[in-house]
């Protein structure tokens, strides 16, 4: 699942490979949906509460100095 997630994320990048002009929103949306589905699947099989992980990451990032 992790490999599939990375592959799908790379497919998102393909839409921006030659610049941001002319990106097809429907095609990009489909690729982003693939990424989200693999992410949710990976979290589920890993026993990770993704909502809680995101909230914790936001809390940590809020206090970070960039």
N, C-alpha and C. Protein backbone atom coordinates (compact mmCIF):
# COMPACT_ATOMS: atom_id res chain seq x y z
N UNK A 1 0.82 -1.20 0.00
CA UNK A 1 0.00 0.00 0.00
C UNK A 1 0.86 1.26 0.00
N UNK A 2 1.96 1.23 0.74
CA UNK A 2 2.83 2.40 0.80
C UNK A 2 3.43 2.69 -0.57
N UNK A 3 3.81 1.62 -1.28
CA UNK A 3 4.37 1.81 -2.63
C UNK A 3 3.30 2.37 -3.56
N UNK A 4 2.09 1.86 -3.47
CA UNK A 4 1.00 2.36 -4.31
C UNK A 4 0.69 3.81 -4.01
N UNK A 5 0.76 4.20 -2.74
CA UNK A 5 0.55 5.59 -2.35
C UNK A 5 1.59 6.48 -3.00
N UNK A 6 2.86 6.05 -2.95
CA UNK A 6 3.93 6.85 -3.56
C UNK A 6 3.77 6.94 -5.07
N UNK A 7 3.36 5.85 -5.69
CA UNK A 7 3.17 5.85 -7.14
C UNK A 7 2.04 6.80 -7.53
N UNK A 8 0.95 6.75 -6.79
CA UNK A 8 -0.17 7.65 -7.08
C UNK A 8 0.23 9.11 -6.85
N UNK A 9 1.02 9.37 -5.81
CA UNK A 9 1.50 10.74 -5.57
C UNK A 9 2.37 11.21 -6.73
N UNK A 10 3.17 10.30 -7.28
CA UNK A 10 3.99 10.64 -8.45
C UNK A 10 3.11 10.97 -9.65
N UNK A 11 1.99 10.29 -9.77
CA UNK A 11 1.07 10.58 -10.87
C UNK A 11 0.46 11.97 -10.72
N UNK A 12 0.29 12.44 -9.48
CA UNK A 12 -0.16 13.82 -9.26
C UNK A 12 0.91 14.77 -9.79
N UNK A 13 2.17 14.47 -9.49
CA UNK A 13 3.27 15.34 -9.94
C UNK A 13 3.35 15.44 -11.45
N UNK A 14 2.98 14.38 -12.14
CA UNK A 14 3.02 14.41 -13.61
C UNK A 14 2.19 15.56 -14.17
N UNK A 15 1.13 15.93 -13.48
CA UNK A 15 0.27 17.01 -13.96
C UNK A 15 0.97 18.37 -13.91
N UNK A 16 2.03 18.45 -13.12
CA UNK A 16 2.76 19.71 -12.95
C UNK A 16 4.18 19.65 -13.51
N UNK A 17 4.49 18.54 -14.19
CA UNK A 17 5.84 18.32 -14.68
C UNK A 17 6.34 19.43 -15.58
N UNK A 18 5.50 19.96 -16.42
CA UNK A 18 5.91 20.98 -17.39
C UNK A 18 5.31 22.32 -17.07
N UNK A 19 4.99 22.57 -15.81
CA UNK A 19 4.41 23.83 -15.39
C UNK A 19 2.98 23.62 -14.92
N UNK A 20 2.40 24.67 -14.40
CA UNK A 20 1.06 24.56 -13.84
C UNK A 20 -0.03 24.96 -14.81
N UNK A 21 0.32 25.45 -15.97
CA UNK A 21 -0.69 25.86 -16.95
C UNK A 21 -1.34 24.63 -17.58
N UNK A 22 -2.63 24.72 -17.76
CA UNK A 22 -3.33 23.67 -18.49
C UNK A 22 -3.59 22.38 -17.72
N UNK A 23 -3.56 22.44 -16.40
CA UNK A 23 -3.84 21.24 -15.62
C UNK A 23 -5.33 20.95 -15.71
N UNK A 24 -5.66 19.72 -16.10
CA UNK A 24 -7.05 19.29 -16.18
C UNK A 24 -7.56 18.98 -14.78
N UNK A 25 -8.49 19.78 -14.28
CA UNK A 25 -8.97 19.65 -12.90
C UNK A 25 -9.62 18.29 -12.64
N UNK A 26 -10.33 17.75 -13.63
CA UNK A 26 -10.97 16.44 -13.44
C UNK A 26 -9.94 15.33 -13.31
N UNK A 27 -8.92 15.37 -14.17
CA UNK A 27 -7.87 14.34 -14.11
C UNK A 27 -7.06 14.46 -12.82
N UNK A 28 -6.73 15.70 -12.44
CA UNK A 28 -6.00 15.92 -11.20
C UNK A 28 -6.84 15.46 -10.01
N UNK A 29 -8.11 15.78 -10.02
CA UNK A 29 -9.00 15.35 -8.95
C UNK A 29 -9.05 13.84 -8.81
N UNK A 30 -9.05 13.16 -9.93
CA UNK A 30 -9.06 11.70 -9.91
C UNK A 30 -7.77 11.15 -9.28
N UNK A 31 -6.64 11.75 -9.63
CA UNK A 31 -5.37 11.31 -9.05
C UNK A 31 -5.31 11.61 -7.56
N UNK A 32 -5.79 12.79 -7.16
CA UNK A 32 -5.81 13.14 -5.74
C UNK A 32 -6.72 12.19 -4.96
N UNK A 33 -7.82 11.78 -5.57
CA UNK A 33 -8.71 10.82 -4.93
C UNK A 33 -8.00 9.48 -4.74
N UNK A 34 -7.22 9.07 -5.74
CA UNK A 34 -6.44 7.82 -5.61
C UNK A 34 -5.48 7.91 -4.43
N UNK A 35 -4.80 9.06 -4.31
CA UNK A 35 -3.85 9.26 -3.20
C UNK A 35 -4.60 9.17 -1.87
N UNK A 36 -5.72 9.84 -1.77
CA UNK A 36 -6.49 9.84 -0.53
C UNK A 36 -6.96 8.44 -0.16
N UNK A 37 -7.42 7.69 -1.16
CA UNK A 37 -7.91 6.34 -0.88
C UNK A 37 -6.79 5.42 -0.40
N UNK A 38 -5.62 5.49 -1.03
CA UNK A 38 -4.49 4.67 -0.57
C UNK A 38 -4.04 5.11 0.82
N UNK A 39 -4.03 6.40 1.09
CA UNK A 39 -3.65 6.90 2.41
C UNK A 39 -4.60 6.38 3.48
N UNK A 40 -5.90 6.47 3.22
CA UNK A 40 -6.88 5.98 4.18
C UNK A 40 -6.76 4.48 4.40
N UNK A 41 -6.51 3.74 3.31
CA UNK A 41 -6.34 2.29 3.41
C UNK A 41 -5.12 1.94 4.23
N UNK A 42 -4.01 2.62 3.98
CA UNK A 42 -2.77 2.36 4.70
C UNK A 42 -2.94 2.65 6.19
N UNK A 43 -3.59 3.76 6.51
CA UNK A 43 -3.83 4.08 7.91
C UNK A 43 -4.70 3.01 8.57
N UNK A 44 -5.74 2.57 7.87
CA UNK A 44 -6.66 1.58 8.43
C UNK A 44 -5.95 0.25 8.72
N UNK A 45 -5.19 -0.25 7.77
CA UNK A 45 -4.53 -1.55 7.99
C UNK A 45 -3.38 -1.44 8.98
N UNK A 46 -2.89 -0.22 9.22
CA UNK A 46 -1.81 -0.01 10.17
C UNK A 46 -2.33 0.29 11.57
N UNK A 47 -3.65 0.39 11.68
CA UNK A 47 -4.25 0.68 12.98
C UNK A 47 -4.03 2.11 13.44
N UNK A 48 -3.87 3.01 12.50
CA UNK A 48 -3.63 4.41 12.83
C UNK A 48 -4.92 5.21 12.68
N UNK A 49 -5.25 5.96 13.73
CA UNK A 49 -6.38 6.88 13.68
C UNK A 49 -5.87 8.12 12.95
N UNK A 50 -6.13 8.20 11.67
CA UNK A 50 -5.56 9.26 10.85
C UNK A 50 -6.03 10.65 11.29
N UNK A 51 -7.28 10.76 11.69
CA UNK A 51 -7.77 12.05 12.16
C UNK A 51 -6.97 12.50 13.37
N UNK A 52 -6.74 11.60 14.32
CA UNK A 52 -5.98 11.94 15.52
C UNK A 52 -4.53 12.27 15.16
N UNK A 53 -3.95 11.52 14.23
CA UNK A 53 -2.57 11.78 13.81
C UNK A 53 -2.44 13.16 13.17
N UNK A 54 -3.42 13.53 12.35
CA UNK A 54 -3.40 14.85 11.71
C UNK A 54 -3.54 15.95 12.76
N UNK A 55 -4.45 15.77 13.70
CA UNK A 55 -4.63 16.78 14.75
C UNK A 55 -3.37 16.94 15.58
N UNK A 56 -2.72 15.84 15.90
CA UNK A 56 -1.48 15.90 16.66
C UNK A 56 -0.39 16.60 15.86
N UNK A 57 -0.30 16.30 14.58
CA UNK A 57 0.71 16.93 13.72
C UNK A 57 0.46 18.43 13.62
N UNK A 58 -0.79 18.84 13.51
CA UNK A 58 -1.13 20.27 13.48
C UNK A 58 -0.71 20.95 14.79
N UNK A 59 -0.93 20.26 15.91
CA UNK A 59 -0.55 20.81 17.21
C UNK A 59 0.96 20.99 17.27
N UNK A 60 1.71 19.99 16.84
CA UNK A 60 3.17 20.08 16.84
C UNK A 60 3.65 21.18 15.91
N UNK A 61 3.08 21.22 14.71
CA UNK A 61 3.50 22.23 13.73
C UNK A 61 3.18 23.65 14.18
N UNK A 62 2.09 23.80 14.91
CA UNK A 62 1.70 25.13 15.38
C UNK A 62 2.78 25.73 16.28
N UNK A 63 3.42 24.88 17.08
CA UNK A 63 4.44 25.37 17.99
C UNK A 63 5.84 25.41 17.41
N UNK A 64 5.98 24.99 16.17
CA UNK A 64 7.29 24.94 15.52
C UNK A 64 7.73 26.29 15.02
N UNK A 65 9.03 26.51 15.05
CA UNK A 65 9.57 27.70 14.41
C UNK A 65 10.09 27.28 13.05
N UNK A 66 9.62 27.93 12.02
CA UNK A 66 9.98 27.53 10.67
C UNK A 66 11.19 28.27 10.20
